Structures are given as structure tokens and as C-alpha cells.
Protein backbone atom coordinates (compact mmCIF):
# COMPACT_ATOMS: atom_id res chain seq x y z
CA UNK A 1 -7.57 26.64 2.15
CA UNK A 2 -7.42 22.99 1.05
CA UNK A 3 -10.95 22.96 -0.34
CA UNK A 4 -10.40 26.33 -2.01
CA UNK A 5 -7.32 25.01 -3.85
CA UNK A 6 -9.16 21.82 -4.84
CA UNK A 7 -12.21 23.65 -6.20
CA UNK A 8 -10.01 26.17 -8.01
CA UNK A 9 -7.44 23.89 -9.66
CA UNK A 10 -9.03 20.42 -9.88
CA UNK A 11 -11.76 20.19 -12.51
CA UNK A 12 -14.53 17.68 -11.67
CA UNK A 13 -12.87 17.24 -8.24
CA UNK A 14 -15.71 15.10 -6.82
CA UNK A 15 -15.15 12.30 -9.34
CA UNK A 16 -12.11 10.87 -7.54
CA UNK A 17 -12.44 7.44 -9.18
CA UNK A 18 -11.53 8.95 -12.55
CA UNK A 19 -7.82 8.54 -13.43
CA UNK A 20 -7.60 12.03 -14.97
CA UNK A 21 -9.09 13.63 -11.85
CA UNK A 22 -6.54 11.76 -9.70
CA UNK A 23 -3.80 13.11 -11.95
CA UNK A 24 -5.09 16.67 -11.46
CA UNK A 25 -5.05 16.16 -7.69
CA UNK A 26 -1.46 14.88 -7.88
CA UNK A 27 -0.25 17.76 -10.05
CA UNK A 28 -1.90 20.33 -7.80
CA UNK A 29 -0.45 18.92 -4.57
CA UNK A 30 3.01 18.61 -6.18
CA UNK A 31 2.90 22.25 -7.31
CA UNK A 32 1.87 23.43 -3.84
CA UNK A 33 4.67 21.35 -2.32
CA UNK A 34 7.29 22.80 -4.70
CA UNK A 35 6.28 26.40 -3.97
CA UNK A 36 6.14 26.00 -0.19
CA UNK A 37 9.42 24.08 0.09
CA UNK A 38 11.39 26.47 -2.16
CA UNK A 39 10.21 29.42 -0.04
CA UNK A 40 11.11 27.57 3.17
CA UNK A 41 14.53 26.58 1.81
CA UNK A 42 15.40 30.19 0.99
CA UNK A 43 14.20 31.53 4.35
CA UNK A 44 15.96 28.85 6.42
CA UNK A 45 19.22 29.04 4.47
CA UNK A 46 19.29 32.80 5.05
CA UNK A 47 18.67 32.31 8.77
CA UNK A 48 21.25 29.51 9.00
CA UNK A 49 23.94 31.68 7.42
CA UNK A 50 22.87 34.65 9.55
CA UNK A 51 23.15 32.86 12.90
CA UNK A 52 25.81 30.32 11.85
CA UNK A 53 23.63 27.30 12.67
CA UNK A 54 24.28 23.96 10.98
CA UNK A 55 20.99 22.56 12.28
CA UNK A 56 19.04 25.39 10.59
CA UNK A 57 20.95 24.88 7.33
CA UNK A 58 20.38 21.13 7.63
CA UNK A 59 16.69 21.81 7.95
CA UNK A 60 16.91 24.16 4.93
CA UNK A 61 18.44 21.51 2.69
CA UNK A 62 15.86 19.05 3.96
CA UNK A 63 13.23 21.42 2.54
CA UNK A 64 15.21 21.64 -0.72
CA UNK A 65 15.10 17.84 -0.97
CA UNK A 66 11.36 18.03 -0.34
CA UNK A 67 11.06 20.49 -3.24
CA UNK A 68 13.05 18.14 -5.47
CA UNK A 69 10.78 15.34 -4.29
CA UNK A 70 7.73 17.37 -5.28
CA UNK A 71 9.24 18.00 -8.74
CA UNK A 72 9.87 14.29 -9.24
CA UNK A 73 6.38 13.59 -7.91
CA UNK A 74 4.98 16.10 -10.41
CA UNK A 75 6.75 14.34 -13.30
CA UNK A 76 5.77 10.92 -11.96
CA UNK A 77 2.09 11.79 -11.62
CA UNK A 78 2.10 13.31 -15.11
CA UNK A 79 3.64 10.15 -16.61
CA UNK A 80 1.43 7.85 -14.53
CA UNK A 81 -1.63 9.56 -16.03
CA UNK A 82 -0.71 8.49 -19.55
CA UNK A 83 -3.22 6.05 -21.07
CA UNK A 84 -2.42 2.45 -21.95
CA UNK A 85 -0.53 1.83 -25.19
CA UNK A 86 0.76 -1.12 -27.19
CA UNK A 87 3.85 -1.57 -25.01
CA UNK A 88 2.03 -0.95 -21.72
CA UNK A 89 -1.46 -2.50 -21.98
CA UNK A 90 -2.13 -1.94 -18.27
CA UNK A 91 -1.25 1.77 -18.37
CA UNK A 92 1.58 3.67 -16.69
CA UNK A 93 0.19 3.89 -13.14
CA UNK A 94 3.18 2.24 -11.48
CA UNK A 95 5.39 5.16 -12.55
CA UNK A 96 3.91 6.97 -9.54
CA UNK A 97 5.43 4.34 -7.24
CA UNK A 98 8.77 4.41 -9.08
CA UNK A 99 8.99 8.22 -8.78
CA UNK A 100 8.27 8.00 -5.06
CA UNK A 101 11.03 5.38 -4.74
CA UNK A 102 13.49 7.78 -6.42
CA UNK A 103 12.40 10.48 -3.99
CA UNK A 104 13.16 8.14 -1.09
CA UNK A 105 16.79 7.78 -2.23
CA UNK A 106 17.15 11.57 -2.56
CA UNK A 107 15.84 12.06 0.98
CA UNK A 108 18.22 9.39 2.35
CA UNK A 109 21.17 10.95 0.50
CA UNK A 110 20.38 14.42 1.89
CA UNK A 111 20.06 12.96 5.39
CA UNK A 112 23.42 11.18 5.08
CA UNK A 113 25.16 14.38 3.92
CA UNK A 114 23.71 16.26 6.88
CA UNK A 115 24.83 13.45 9.17
CA UNK A 116 28.47 13.85 8.09
CA UNK A 117 28.31 17.65 8.41
CA UNK A 118 26.75 17.41 11.89
CA UNK A 119 29.43 15.00 13.09
CA UNK A 120 32.04 17.53 11.91
CA UNK A 121 30.26 20.31 13.85
CA UNK A 122 30.22 18.18 16.99
CA UNK A 123 33.96 17.57 16.74
CA UNK A 124 34.73 21.21 15.86
CA UNK A 125 31.93 23.47 17.22
CA UNK A 126 31.56 26.97 15.73
CA UNK A 127 30.24 30.13 17.36
CA UNK A 128 26.53 30.87 16.86
CA UNK A 129 24.57 34.14 16.94
CA UNK A 130 21.13 34.35 18.56
CA UNK A 131 18.53 36.43 16.71
CA UNK A 132 14.85 36.52 17.65
CA UNK A 133 13.78 36.93 14.00
CA UNK A 134 15.12 33.44 13.24
CA UNK A 135 12.80 31.94 15.85
CA UNK A 136 9.80 33.74 14.35
CA UNK A 137 10.55 32.56 10.80
CA UNK A 138 11.16 29.00 11.93
CA UNK A 139 7.85 28.99 13.83
CA UNK A 140 6.13 30.10 10.63
CA UNK A 141 7.91 27.22 8.90
CA UNK A 142 6.47 24.78 11.42
CA UNK A 143 2.96 26.12 10.74
CA UNK A 144 3.42 25.79 6.96
CA UNK A 145 4.77 22.24 7.24
CA UNK A 146 1.96 21.24 9.58
CA UNK A 147 -0.56 22.56 7.05
CA UNK A 148 1.23 20.71 4.22
CA UNK A 149 1.01 17.49 6.21
CA UNK A 150 -2.74 17.91 6.79
CA UNK A 151 -3.18 19.00 3.15
CA UNK A 152 -1.48 15.90 1.70
CA UNK A 153 -3.04 13.52 4.21
CA UNK A 154 -6.57 14.79 3.54
CA UNK A 155 -6.24 14.58 -0.24
CA UNK A 156 -4.26 11.32 -0.04
CA UNK A 157 -7.17 9.68 1.79
CA UNK A 158 -9.65 11.23 -0.64
CA UNK A 159 -8.04 9.67 -3.75
CA UNK A 160 -6.38 6.72 -1.96
CA UNK A 161 -2.85 7.80 -2.87
CA UNK A 162 -0.05 6.08 -0.94
CA UNK A 163 2.46 8.60 -2.31
CA UNK A 164 0.53 11.60 -0.97
CA UNK A 165 0.12 9.90 2.40
CA UNK A 166 3.89 9.29 2.49
CA UNK A 167 4.46 12.98 1.66
CA UNK A 168 2.15 13.90 4.55
CA UNK A 169 4.18 11.73 6.92
CA UNK A 170 7.41 13.33 5.63
CA UNK A 171 6.00 16.82 6.24
CA UNK A 172 5.01 15.84 9.76
CA UNK A 173 8.58 14.65 10.30
CA UNK A 174 9.78 18.08 9.15
CA UNK A 175 7.62 19.66 11.85
CA UNK A 176 9.55 17.62 14.42
CA UNK A 177 12.98 18.44 12.95
CA UNK A 178 12.29 22.19 12.70
CA UNK A 179 10.95 22.21 16.26
CA UNK A 180 14.21 20.57 17.38
CA UNK A 181 16.17 23.26 15.51
CA UNK A 182 14.19 26.00 17.29
CA UNK A 183 14.96 24.31 20.59
CA UNK A 184 18.73 24.31 19.89
CA UNK A 185 18.69 28.06 19.07
CA UNK A 186 16.66 28.87 22.18
CA UNK A 187 19.02 26.85 24.41
CA UNK A 188 21.99 28.71 22.94
CA UNK A 189 20.25 32.09 23.35
CA UNK A 190 19.22 31.47 26.97
CA UNK A 191 22.08 29.43 28.42
CA UNK A 192 24.83 29.86 25.81
CA UNK A 193 25.00 26.08 25.37
CA UNK A 194 25.86 25.05 21.80
CA UNK A 195 24.08 21.77 20.99
CA UNK A 196 23.77 22.66 17.30
CA UNK A 197 25.80 19.67 16.08
CA UNK A 198 23.84 17.25 18.24
CA UNK A 199 20.50 18.61 17.02
CA UNK A 200 21.77 18.56 13.42
CA UNK A 201 22.69 14.90 13.94
CA UNK A 202 19.19 14.11 15.25
CA UNK A 203 17.63 15.98 12.32
CA UNK A 204 19.75 14.00 9.83
CA UNK A 205 18.68 10.69 11.38
CA UNK A 206 15.01 11.70 11.21
CA UNK A 207 15.46 12.70 7.55
CA UNK A 208 17.08 9.35 6.70
CA UNK A 209 14.36 7.46 8.57
CA UNK A 210 11.70 9.35 6.59
CA UNK A 211 13.46 8.30 3.37
CA UNK A 212 13.57 4.65 4.44
CA UNK A 213 9.87 4.76 5.33
CA UNK A 214 8.92 6.26 1.94
CA UNK A 215 11.02 3.57 0.19
CA UNK A 216 9.30 0.84 2.16
CA UNK A 217 5.81 2.22 1.47
CA UNK A 218 6.45 2.44 -2.29
CA UNK A 219 8.30 -0.86 -2.64
CA UNK A 220 5.38 -2.81 -1.18
CA UNK A 221 2.93 -2.22 -4.07
CA UNK A 222 5.74 -2.66 -6.61
CA UNK A 223 6.71 -6.07 -5.25
CA UNK A 224 3.10 -7.08 -4.68
CA UNK A 225 1.00 -6.60 -1.55
CA UNK A 226 -1.97 -8.58 -0.21
CA UNK A 227 -5.47 -7.35 -0.88
CA UNK A 228 -7.01 -5.07 1.74
CA UNK A 229 -9.08 -7.29 4.10
CA UNK A 230 -12.10 -5.00 3.85
CA UNK A 231 -12.02 -5.02 0.03
CA UNK A 232 -11.53 -8.81 0.03
CA UNK A 233 -14.63 -9.28 2.14
CA UNK A 234 -16.67 -6.78 0.11
CA UNK A 235 -15.77 -8.38 -3.23
CA UNK A 236 -16.36 -11.98 -2.14
CA UNK A 237 -19.68 -11.05 -0.52
CA UNK A 238 -20.63 -9.17 -3.69
CA UNK A 239 -19.90 -12.17 -5.95
CA UNK A 240 -21.61 -14.65 -3.64
CA UNK A 241 -24.73 -12.46 -3.32
CA UNK A 242 -25.87 -13.41 -6.83
CA UNK A 243 -28.34 -16.23 -7.35
CA UNK A 244 -26.62 -19.13 -9.02
CA UNK A 245 -23.30 -18.59 -7.18
CA UNK A 246 -22.67 -21.10 -4.40
CA UNK A 247 -19.32 -19.81 -3.17
CA UNK A 248 -16.03 -18.27 -4.25
CA UNK A 249 -12.30 -18.59 -3.65
CA UNK A 250 -8.86 -17.53 -4.93
CA UNK A 251 -9.57 -13.81 -5.23
CA UNK A 252 -6.42 -12.15 -6.59
CA UNK A 253 -6.04 -8.39 -7.16
CA UNK A 254 -3.22 -7.05 -9.34
CA UNK A 255 -2.24 -3.43 -8.75
CA UNK A 256 -1.01 -1.50 -11.80
CA UNK A 257 -1.03 1.86 -10.03
CA UNK A 258 -3.50 3.83 -7.87
CA UNK A 259 -7.08 3.18 -9.10
CA UNK A 260 -5.70 0.84 -11.77
CA UNK A 261 -6.39 -2.71 -10.66
CA UNK A 262 -7.67 -5.90 -12.17
CA UNK A 263 -8.72 -9.04 -10.35
CA UNK A 264 -9.63 -12.68 -10.84
CA UNK A 265 -11.78 -14.98 -8.73
CA UNK A 266 -13.13 -18.52 -8.90
CA UNK A 267 -16.92 -18.69 -8.54
CA UNK A 268 -18.61 -21.99 -7.75
CA UNK A 269 -21.78 -22.74 -9.75
CA UNK A 270 -24.13 -25.78 -9.68
CA UNK A 271 -22.97 -28.38 -12.18
CA UNK A 272 -26.54 -29.20 -13.25
CA UNK A 273 -27.31 -25.65 -14.46
CA UNK A 274 -26.98 -24.89 -18.16
CA UNK A 275 -23.52 -23.41 -18.81
CA UNK A 276 -25.01 -20.52 -20.80
CA UNK A 277 -27.18 -19.54 -17.83
CA UNK A 278 -24.18 -19.55 -15.48
CA UNK A 279 -22.11 -17.66 -18.05
CA UNK A 280 -24.72 -14.90 -18.24
CA UNK A 281 -24.66 -14.55 -14.44
CA UNK A 282 -20.87 -14.33 -14.52
CA UNK A 283 -20.97 -11.62 -17.21
CA UNK A 284 -23.40 -9.55 -15.12
CA UNK A 285 -21.19 -9.83 -12.05
CA UNK A 286 -18.11 -8.72 -14.01
CA UNK A 287 -19.91 -5.65 -15.41
CA UNK A 288 -21.32 -4.64 -12.01
CA UNK A 289 -17.96 -5.18 -10.29
CA UNK A 290 -16.34 -2.66 -12.64
CA UNK A 291 -19.03 -0.08 -11.79
CA UNK A 292 -18.97 -0.70 -8.06
CA UNK A 293 -15.26 -1.24 -7.34
CA UNK A 294 -13.58 0.27 -10.40
CA UNK A 295 -11.79 -3.06 -10.85
CA UNK A 296 -11.79 -5.17 -14.01
CA UNK A 297 -12.83 -8.56 -12.64
CA UNK A 298 -12.33 -11.87 -14.47
CA UNK A 299 -14.34 -14.80 -13.08
CA UNK A 300 -13.53 -18.47 -13.57
CA UNK A 301 -16.48 -20.85 -13.19
CA UNK A 302 -16.05 -23.96 -11.01
CA UNK A 303 -18.92 -26.48 -11.40
CA UNK A 304 -19.90 -27.98 -8.04
CA UNK A 305 -22.10 -30.95 -7.20
CA UNK A 306 -25.02 -29.76 -5.04
CA UNK A 307 -27.60 -32.56 -5.09
CA UNK A 308 -25.69 -35.82 -4.74
CA UNK A 309 -26.00 -36.85 -1.08
CA UNK A 310 -22.93 -39.13 -1.34
CA UNK A 311 -20.72 -36.27 -2.49
CA UNK A 312 -22.01 -34.06 0.35
CA UNK A 313 -21.41 -36.88 2.84
CA UNK A 314 -17.75 -37.31 1.89
CA UNK A 315 -17.30 -33.54 1.64
CA UNK A 316 -18.50 -33.20 5.25
CA UNK A 317 -16.08 -35.97 6.25
CA UNK A 318 -13.13 -34.04 4.79
CA UNK A 319 -14.37 -30.84 6.42
CA UNK A 320 -14.50 -32.50 9.86
CA UNK A 321 -10.98 -33.91 9.42
CA UNK A 322 -9.61 -30.46 8.55
CA UNK A 323 -11.33 -28.97 11.59
CA UNK A 324 -9.61 -31.55 13.81
CA UNK A 325 -6.15 -30.86 12.34
CA UNK A 326 -6.17 -27.07 11.78
CA UNK A 327 -9.32 -24.97 11.58
CA UNK A 328 -7.47 -22.41 9.42
CA UNK A 329 -7.18 -24.92 6.56
CA UNK A 330 -9.99 -24.90 4.00
CA UNK A 331 -10.71 -26.76 0.77
CA UNK A 332 -12.48 -26.18 -2.54
CA UNK A 333 -13.04 -27.74 -5.96
CA UNK A 334 -14.15 -30.97 -4.28
CA UNK A 335 -14.90 -33.86 -6.65
CA UNK A 336 -15.64 -37.51 -6.04
CA UNK A 337 -15.25 -40.43 -8.44
CA UNK A 338 -16.79 -43.54 -6.92
CA UNK A 339 -15.79 -46.95 -8.24
CA UNK A 340 -16.58 -50.45 -7.07
CA UNK A 341 -13.57 -50.85 -4.78
CA UNK A 342 -12.13 -47.33 -4.60
CA UNK A 343 -13.44 -43.79 -4.04
CA UNK A 344 -11.26 -40.99 -5.40
CA UNK A 345 -11.58 -37.70 -3.52
CA UNK A 346 -10.01 -34.81 -5.42
CA UNK A 347 -9.75 -31.32 -3.93
CA UNK A 348 -7.52 -28.28 -3.35
CA UNK A 349 -6.35 -27.19 0.09
CA UNK A 350 -5.80 -23.58 1.15
CA UNK A 351 -3.17 -23.55 3.91
CA UNK A 352 -1.68 -20.72 6.03
CA UNK A 353 1.46 -19.09 4.55
CA UNK A 354 3.53 -20.38 7.48
CA UNK A 355 3.19 -23.90 6.06
CA UNK A 356 6.43 -24.76 4.28
CA UNK A 357 6.85 -27.62 1.80
CA UNK A 358 7.61 -30.16 4.51
CA UNK A 359 4.59 -29.20 6.60
CA UNK A 360 2.31 -29.27 3.55
CA UNK A 361 3.39 -32.83 2.80
CA UNK A 362 2.77 -33.76 6.43
CA UNK A 363 -0.68 -32.16 6.25
CA UNK A 364 -1.66 -34.13 3.14
CA UNK A 365 -0.45 -37.37 4.72
CA UNK A 366 -2.33 -36.64 7.96
CA UNK A 367 -5.57 -35.86 6.10
CA UNK A 368 -5.22 -39.04 4.03
CA UNK A 369 -4.56 -41.08 7.17
CA UNK A 370 -7.60 -39.77 9.05
CA UNK A 371 -9.97 -40.04 6.07
CA UNK A 372 -8.92 -43.63 5.30
CA UNK A 373 -9.44 -44.50 8.96
CA UNK A 374 -13.07 -43.56 8.39
CA UNK A 375 -13.35 -45.29 5.01
CA UNK A 376 -10.55 -47.52 3.68
CA UNK A 377 -11.80 -47.24 0.10
CA UNK A 378 -10.85 -43.56 -0.11
CA UNK A 379 -7.93 -42.45 -2.25
CA UNK A 380 -7.11 -38.76 -1.87
CA UNK A 381 -5.65 -36.53 -4.58
CA UNK A 382 -4.77 -33.26 -2.87
CA UNK A 383 -3.23 -30.02 -4.13
CA UNK A 384 -2.03 -27.69 -1.35
CA UNK A 385 -1.59 -23.96 -1.91
CA UNK A 386 -1.40 -20.71 0.06
CA UNK A 387 -4.32 -18.36 -0.39
CA UNK A 388 -3.99 -14.90 -1.89
CA UNK A 389 -6.62 -13.34 0.34
CA UNK A 390 -7.11 -12.82 4.07
CA UNK A 391 -6.01 -15.48 6.52
CA UNK A 392 -8.44 -16.00 9.35
């Protein structure tokens, strides 16, 4: 069914890197979600009124909130697909995250309302009516929600959509809540025990938890999240694979929405190579990075001394000192200015994020102390920073 819907409603569905194709995927999944959840809301509300079950009606309004979520998702995906303009040079991709964040608040609000109603039912229980048809319809609901979860998860992985993956998780949570509702009706039908308010309370808590999880998942890219370790390794290896590139550091990726990213990286080049030659290499890397990763990459060139044995000697000294203190600390942009009575060593440190200001100052003092113990002429000029990539 999933592949049939994709082939039918998503033109050029194989080209998932294209922003317009991603938009078509999002609109199609939102439309399917709206239709399924509206049908489920109507069926469950009818059953809830028929048997007098607050847990069934709670589950029904949970589906209504899911339908509202799909509508907001539909609008968000449509707006996120708009091209860049004068006021938004990086496009509108983050609207998709904002719409998902709005959905999270709706889900939490629905869950809180159900929580209050369920508490009232626990304090003042009402008579229920057992009907076998309600069990059958609710079981069908479980099957539909399970399919919706698989549907969104499959397509979410295909186009790398965090919103669709969150929707899949929400649908899976609905499977659990509806199953709990079925259990409460069965217990009442078999033993006459009314646990409807308790089950409704559990359902409301699950709904609110789903809302909190969606909010967390969508806030992360809005605030700024670290680059995926696999992508970090792939991009640095890609840059360093070119002849004329000695090493790289400070890879930063800025997310402006799904499949809308730009990045910057510092690439180390030999300082004795003509700058125009190095610039041509850099241009080639930037063009190929866009084709391979779909990311607009900006590369800053760092000239590095490669032939001076004295510079390599002092660089190895610093490297050994760092290994003694903390093997997680690395350095780059190493320069040496050698005078008659003093040797200036200038470099940047990359320290773990756990290093606060006080510990960074201690680290710089400790490095200076150990280096000067080896050579008293050394004067160190150190800049300490936390990396933007993967800590090892």
C-alpha cells in the first residue's frame, strides 16, 4: 500500500534529495494522516457514546488531535517548500520544525484535558455498556494506526524527515493507548470491573508524553544540534582525500530545514604551493561536495608548514605534551616564529565541551609549563575552543 501511494501521488518519487519531491512526500503523508484520523475519530466517538466509555472518547479526541496535527503538518510542509526570497535567503525549511512544535503543544493540551476528565471519572464512576462491535472497531483502529506508524517511519527514513519519524512514534503510541482502551472494555465485559477512569488517565499521560517527545525532537534542530558523526567522518574524509589537502578541522553544518544545509570547514594546505593552485583545488571540492552531500560547503584555507624540520620538531613536542595531559585534546593552525632568544609557538586547541573557562586556563598553563620545561626559550600563544564536530 505504501509504495502504491508513493508511486501514485509523488511525482519523481525516487529523487528524494530534491526539495520539491520531499514536499510532495510530506503533503501526501499529511493527507493520508488527516483522512485516517478523521475516520477513526468519528468511529471511536460513536463507540464511546454508545458504551459510555471515557477511555474510548479520550482515544477518539486523541485521534482528532492527530488529524489537527496532520493539517498543521500539511500547511507547514507546504510553507517549508517555498523557495528562498529576499527576506529569507536560506529558504523556509525551518517552518517544518515550527509546525511540528505547534503540533506538540496541541497534543499536550489534548492530553491534559483528558487527564482532568479521567480524574473526574475516577472520583465519580459512571455505568458502562459492553458491546462486542466496539471491540471489533477498536481492533481495526489498532491495525490502521500500526500501518500509519510503519507508513510514516518508512517514508521518514527515505527522505530523512524528523517530523515524519515523530509522527510514526506518535502513531505507535496510539496503538498502545487504543489497546489499553480495549483491555478496559474487555475487563468490564467479563468481570464487571470498571477501570475506565484509570485507563483514561493512563491514556492521557501517554498522549502528553508523546507531545513532550515531539516538542523535544523538533526543538533540537531549531536550537542547533551537533553534526551526525557518520556525516562528519564522511565529509572530513572526502575533503582530506584530495591531493594538496593535508588535513581539516572546524567542520560546522548549519541546518535550515530538512535537506537544506550549508557547511564550512578549514582545510590545511602546504604554504609553499601557489595560492591559485590551492584555490582551484578548494573550488573543485566545494562543487563536488554539493553534488555528493547536497550541502553548500564553504572552505577556508589554512597554510601549513610541511618542509621545515624545526617546525615539525616543535609541533611533535606540543603533540606529545597534549598526549600526556589529555589525549582528547588536539591542536591545529600551528605556527612558529623563531628569534635569537625566544621561540613563539602559536596554535589553537580543541578541547572537550566539559572544559569550562577555569579548566581551559589551567590547561593552557599546564601545556606552557611542560613545553618550557623542555625548552625554556618557548613562548606559547594559545587559543582554546570547543570543537563543533564529534568528540572522540
